[in-house]
Amino acid sequence: MARDDHDPSSLWTIDRGASCVVATAIHEGHVVRPEIAELYALAPEERMREEDPFTEFIIGRVPNRIVFRRSRFEVDLNRDRDGAVYLRPEQAWGLKVWNTDLSESHVATSLEIHDGYYEALRTTLTAIERQHGRFAVLDVHSYNHRRAGPNAPPSDPVDAPDINIGTFSMDRDRWGDLVDELIDHLGGFRIRGRALHVRENVAFQGKGEQTRFIHKHFPQTGCAIAVEFKKFFMDEWTGEPDTETLLELRDMLASTVPLLERALERVS
């Protein structure tokens, strides 16, 4: 279950399958390009805490998959273009990211990656739209719930559900039945014998750039759902995965594919 065992020059990978359901892991990556690697004030393990390790594994059985290979600390695809490079602590959870100011050239190179990704995303989704008429995107992320420290109490589960479904940019009148079915389906699972707490727009509202972009460019045909897993599948401080939990989560997410395919057929 190693991360980033791909070519370090890779930006993203796209696996195309015979389905109208897509899953993405755009914060999976940990690699940064060599020319900026020495400029970070943050150690790699500090960067990793705000990345989404193992989300690529969780989406691994969804037919269509898009995975971004670079760290969000190089360029954050889920921020709009103006905020995609963290230049100030307030953009990055109060963290001092850089030892020195980035040059305009460094920033421009990162933004070229941002532009290129969204061109590729639009092309891929257009092809799926052409083939199937409609599609659903599961925009998979994860989030920390032990920010006070490894030995401190975790966040209150009321405010930190196991799975947070974000729908902020969505036309819920059009896609609401599909989202409700997904929430009910996920809430019916037991992971390692424990029922999952699944809620909508609690810890996060799905305000990221990717879902916004999809709903803007595919308003009638694309349903993009932000799916945030609390990091109960790993130790968020050491990075150690819980393999059995991850295997169950991967199977659970795969089980949503036929449900979403059927739900998309019912949208008028």
Protein backbone atom coordinates (compact mmCIF):
# COMPACT_ATOMS: atom_id res chain seq x y z
CA MET A 1 0.00 0.00 0.00
CA ALA A 2 2.96 2.26 -0.68
CA ARG A 3 2.30 5.81 -1.89
CA ASP A 4 3.94 7.58 -4.79
CA ASP A 5 5.67 4.55 -6.25
CA HIS A 6 5.00 6.00 -9.72
CA ASP A 7 7.35 7.94 -11.96
CA PRO A 8 8.17 11.10 -9.93
CA SER A 9 7.65 13.21 -13.06
CA SER A 10 4.02 12.04 -13.30
CA LEU A 11 1.37 14.71 -12.79
CA TRP A 12 -1.84 12.68 -12.84
CA THR A 13 -3.18 9.36 -14.05
CA ILE A 14 -6.54 8.66 -15.65
CA ASP A 15 -8.03 5.15 -15.81
CA ARG A 16 -11.07 4.93 -18.06
CA GLY A 17 -13.66 2.23 -17.52
CA ALA A 18 -17.04 1.26 -18.95
CA SER A 19 -19.20 3.21 -16.52
CA CYS A 20 -20.71 6.65 -15.96
CA VAL A 21 -19.28 6.79 -12.41
CA VAL A 22 -15.94 8.47 -11.79
CA ALA A 23 -13.88 8.73 -8.61
CA THR A 24 -11.02 11.15 -8.06
CA ALA A 25 -8.22 11.42 -5.49
CA ILE A 26 -6.75 14.84 -6.18
CA HIS A 27 -5.03 15.21 -2.79
CA GLU A 28 -3.43 11.76 -2.79
CA GLY A 29 -0.06 12.95 -4.07
CA HIS A 30 2.99 13.59 -1.90
CA VAL A 31 5.74 14.21 -4.48
CA VAL A 32 6.93 17.77 -5.19
CA ARG A 33 9.05 18.81 -8.13
CA PRO A 34 12.81 18.95 -7.42
CA GLU A 35 13.33 22.68 -8.05
CA ILE A 36 11.07 23.66 -5.13
CA ALA A 37 11.70 20.72 -2.80
CA GLU A 38 14.42 22.54 -0.83
CA LEU A 39 12.32 25.67 -0.42
CA TYR A 40 9.80 24.17 1.99
CA ALA A 41 9.73 25.21 5.64
CA LEU A 42 7.62 22.11 6.31
CA ALA A 43 9.06 18.63 6.65
CA PRO A 44 7.55 15.94 4.40
CA GLU A 45 5.66 14.39 7.33
CA GLU A 46 4.14 17.78 8.14
CA ARG A 47 2.95 18.13 4.57
CA MET A 48 1.59 14.61 4.61
CA ARG A 49 -0.72 15.42 7.53
CA GLU A 50 -2.72 17.77 5.32
CA GLU A 51 -2.66 15.48 2.29
CA ASP A 52 -5.12 12.64 1.71
CA PRO A 53 -3.06 9.44 1.84
CA PHE A 54 -4.71 6.19 0.75
CA THR A 55 -7.60 7.87 -1.05
CA GLU A 56 -6.23 6.33 -4.26
CA PHE A 57 -6.56 2.93 -2.61
CA ILE A 58 -10.13 3.65 -1.47
CA ILE A 59 -11.25 4.53 -5.02
CA GLY A 60 -9.32 1.62 -6.51
CA ARG A 61 -12.33 -0.43 -7.63
CA VAL A 62 -14.35 2.39 -9.21
CA PRO A 63 -14.22 1.94 -13.02
CA ASN A 64 -13.13 5.50 -13.89
CA ARG A 65 -10.38 6.93 -11.70
CA ILE A 66 -8.35 10.14 -11.72
CA VAL A 67 -5.44 10.51 -9.30
CA PHE A 68 -3.24 13.58 -8.92
CA ARG A 69 0.37 12.58 -8.18
CA ARG A 70 1.75 15.87 -6.86
CA SER A 71 1.31 17.25 -3.37
CA ARG A 72 -1.32 19.88 -2.72
CA PHE A 73 1.61 21.85 -1.26
CA GLU A 74 2.93 22.19 -4.81
CA VAL A 75 -0.45 23.09 -6.30
CA ASP A 76 -3.88 22.50 -4.81
CA LEU A 77 -6.32 21.45 -7.50
CA ASN A 78 -9.25 21.93 -5.16
CA ARG A 79 -8.60 25.67 -4.86
CA ASP A 80 -9.41 28.19 -7.56
CA ARG A 81 -6.51 29.37 -9.67
CA ASP A 82 -5.81 32.46 -7.53
CA GLY A 83 -5.46 30.37 -4.37
CA ALA A 84 -4.00 27.15 -5.77
CA VAL A 85 -0.44 27.87 -4.56
CA TYR A 86 -0.16 28.37 -0.80
CA LEU A 87 1.80 31.61 -0.40
CA ARG A 88 0.62 32.73 3.06
CA PRO A 89 -0.04 30.79 6.28
CA GLU A 90 -3.73 31.71 6.24
CA GLN A 91 -4.06 29.72 3.03
CA ALA A 92 -2.60 26.59 4.68
CA TRP A 93 -4.11 26.05 8.14
CA GLY A 94 -1.75 28.63 9.61
CA LEU A 95 1.35 26.74 8.47
CA LYS A 96 4.47 28.50 7.24
CA VAL A 97 4.96 26.58 3.99
CA TRP A 98 8.08 28.20 2.51
CA ASN A 99 11.47 29.29 3.79
CA THR A 100 11.55 32.05 1.18
CA ASP A 101 9.12 33.73 -1.16
CA LEU A 102 8.44 31.75 -4.31
CA SER A 103 9.54 33.33 -7.56
CA GLU A 104 6.95 34.28 -10.16
CA SER A 105 8.39 31.52 -12.33
CA HIS A 106 7.81 28.88 -9.64
CA VAL A 107 4.23 30.01 -9.15
CA ALA A 108 3.60 30.13 -12.90
CA THR A 109 4.84 26.56 -13.34
CA SER A 110 2.48 25.34 -10.62
CA LEU A 111 -0.45 27.19 -12.16
CA GLU A 112 0.29 25.64 -15.55
CA ILE A 113 -0.25 22.26 -13.87
CA HIS A 114 -3.56 23.50 -12.45
CA ASP A 115 -4.67 24.70 -15.89
CA GLY A 116 -3.60 21.48 -17.56
CA TYR A 117 -5.43 19.31 -15.06
CA TYR A 118 -8.73 21.09 -15.57
CA GLU A 119 -8.35 20.87 -19.35
CA ALA A 120 -7.80 17.12 -19.01
CA LEU A 121 -10.70 16.75 -16.58
CA ARG A 122 -13.10 18.56 -18.90
CA THR A 123 -11.98 16.43 -21.85
CA THR A 124 -12.40 13.19 -19.90
CA LEU A 125 -15.83 14.09 -18.56
CA THR A 126 -17.00 15.28 -21.98
CA ALA A 127 -16.15 11.87 -23.40
CA ILE A 128 -18.05 10.10 -20.61
CA GLU A 129 -21.00 12.47 -21.09
CA ARG A 130 -21.00 11.72 -24.82
CA GLN A 131 -21.06 7.98 -24.19
CA HIS A 132 -23.48 7.78 -21.25
CA GLY A 133 -25.48 11.01 -21.30
CA ARG A 134 -24.90 11.68 -17.59
CA PHE A 135 -22.23 10.95 -15.03
CA ALA A 136 -21.47 11.13 -11.32
CA VAL A 137 -18.12 12.09 -9.83
CA LEU A 138 -17.12 11.01 -6.33
CA ASP A 139 -14.54 13.63 -5.34
CA VAL A 140 -12.85 11.65 -2.55
CA HIS A 141 -10.86 13.32 0.23
CA SER A 142 -9.98 12.71 3.87
CA TYR A 143 -9.66 14.93 6.92
CA ASN A 144 -7.93 15.04 10.28
CA HIS A 145 -9.81 14.60 13.53
CA ARG A 146 -6.94 14.57 16.05
CA ARG A 147 -5.57 18.04 15.49
CA ALA A 148 -4.92 18.59 19.20
CA GLY A 149 -2.23 15.90 19.14
CA PRO A 150 -1.79 12.12 18.87
CA ASN A 151 -2.70 11.52 22.52
CA ALA A 152 -5.40 14.16 22.82
CA PRO A 153 -9.12 13.41 22.50
CA PRO A 154 -10.39 13.32 18.90
CA SER A 155 -12.87 15.81 17.52
CA ASP A 156 -16.46 15.47 18.68
CA PRO A 157 -18.13 12.94 16.32
CA VAL A 158 -21.15 15.24 16.09
CA ASP A 159 -18.98 17.71 14.20
CA ALA A 160 -16.71 15.11 12.58
CA PRO A 161 -18.76 12.33 10.93
CA ASP A 162 -17.04 9.23 9.57
CA ILE A 163 -18.11 10.33 6.09
CA ASN A 164 -19.05 13.90 5.22
CA ILE A 165 -20.97 14.40 1.97
CA GLY A 166 -20.45 17.88 0.51
CA THR A 167 -23.03 19.32 -1.87
CA PHE A 168 -22.58 23.12 -1.71
CA SER A 169 -22.25 23.81 -5.45
CA MET A 170 -24.83 21.22 -6.49
CA ASP A 171 -28.31 21.81 -7.88
CA ARG A 172 -29.95 19.75 -5.18
CA ASP A 173 -33.37 19.99 -6.81
CA ARG A 174 -31.93 18.04 -9.73
CA TRP A 175 -29.56 15.65 -7.96
CA GLY A 176 -31.02 15.44 -4.45
CA ASP A 177 -32.62 12.00 -4.78
CA LEU A 178 -29.33 10.55 -5.98
CA VAL A 179 -27.44 12.11 -3.04
CA ASP A 180 -30.01 10.89 -0.53
CA GLU A 181 -29.72 7.35 -1.89
CA LEU A 182 -25.94 7.53 -1.59
CA ILE A 183 -26.09 8.76 2.01
CA ASP A 184 -28.56 6.03 2.98
CA HIS A 185 -26.42 3.40 1.26
CA LEU A 186 -23.19 4.44 2.98
CA GLY A 187 -24.93 4.80 6.32
CA GLY A 188 -26.08 1.19 6.12
CA PHE A 189 -22.50 -0.16 6.15
CA ARG A 190 -20.60 -1.49 9.12
CA ILE A 191 -16.82 -1.11 8.97
CA ARG A 192 -14.92 -3.44 11.28
CA GLY A 193 -18.27 -4.12 12.93
CA ARG A 194 -19.10 -0.45 13.57
CA ALA A 195 -21.93 1.48 11.92
CA LEU A 196 -20.79 4.54 10.01
CA HIS A 197 -21.87 8.07 10.84
CA VAL A 198 -22.65 9.74 7.50
CA ARG A 199 -23.82 13.35 7.29
CA GLU A 200 -24.17 16.09 4.71
CA ASN A 201 -22.38 19.46 4.87
CA VAL A 202 -21.19 19.22 8.48
CA ALA A 203 -17.40 19.10 8.66
CA PHE A 204 -17.16 20.34 5.06
CA GLN A 205 -19.69 21.69 2.59
CA GLY A 206 -18.16 20.63 -0.71
CA LYS A 207 -16.98 24.12 -1.66
CA GLY A 208 -13.87 22.90 -3.50
CA GLU A 209 -12.91 23.95 -7.00
CA GLN A 210 -13.36 20.56 -8.63
CA THR A 211 -17.04 20.10 -7.80
CA ARG A 212 -17.70 23.77 -8.62
CA PHE A 213 -15.98 23.36 -12.00
CA ILE A 214 -17.98 20.24 -12.86
CA HIS A 215 -21.31 21.79 -11.93
CA LYS A 216 -20.47 24.93 -13.92
CA HIS A 217 -19.46 23.11 -17.11
CA PHE A 218 -21.88 20.15 -16.90
CA PRO A 219 -24.94 21.65 -15.15
CA GLN A 220 -27.48 19.21 -16.59
CA THR A 221 -25.37 16.09 -16.93
CA GLY A 222 -22.71 16.04 -14.19
CA CYS A 223 -23.34 15.34 -10.52
CA ALA A 224 -20.17 15.94 -8.48
CA ILE A 225 -20.22 14.88 -4.83
CA ALA A 226 -17.45 15.67 -2.36
CA VAL A 227 -16.88 12.59 -0.17
CA GLU A 228 -14.70 13.31 2.89
CA PHE A 229 -13.56 10.32 4.94
CA LYS A 230 -12.45 11.04 8.47
CA LYS A 231 -8.97 9.54 8.92
CA PHE A 232 -10.20 6.68 11.09
CA PHE A 233 -8.51 4.37 8.57
CA MET A 234 -5.01 5.51 9.56
CA ASP A 235 -2.94 7.24 12.22
CA GLU A 236 -2.96 10.81 10.99
CA TRP A 237 0.20 11.62 12.97
CA THR A 238 2.42 8.71 11.90
CA GLY A 239 0.83 7.93 8.53
CA GLU A 240 0.38 4.27 9.45
CA PRO A 241 -2.61 2.73 7.62
CA ASP A 242 -5.22 0.36 9.04
CA THR A 243 -5.19 -2.09 6.15
CA GLU A 244 -8.33 -4.02 7.09
CA THR A 245 -10.38 -0.84 7.39
CA LEU A 246 -9.08 0.43 4.05
CA LEU A 247 -10.01 -2.84 2.34
CA GLU A 248 -13.56 -2.57 3.66
CA LEU A 249 -13.82 1.08 2.63
CA ARG A 250 -12.61 0.23 -0.88
CA ASP A 251 -15.31 -2.44 -1.20
CA MET A 252 -17.91 -0.09 0.20
CA LEU A 253 -17.12 2.65 -2.30
CA ALA A 254 -17.15 0.15 -5.17
CA SER A 255 -20.64 -0.92 -4.09
CA THR A 256 -21.94 2.60 -4.80
CA VAL A 257 -21.23 2.28 -8.53
CA PRO A 258 -24.31 0.26 -9.55
CA LEU A 259 -26.47 2.36 -7.20
CA LEU A 260 -25.29 5.59 -8.82
CA GLU A 261 -25.63 4.17 -12.32
CA ARG A 262 -29.28 3.30 -11.63
CA ALA A 263 -29.95 6.65 -9.97
CA LEU A 264 -28.54 8.55 -12.97
CA GLU A 265 -30.92 6.68 -15.28
CA ARG A 266 -33.86 8.04 -13.28
CA VAL A 267 -32.83 11.70 -13.55
CA SER A 268 -35.05 13.45 -16.08
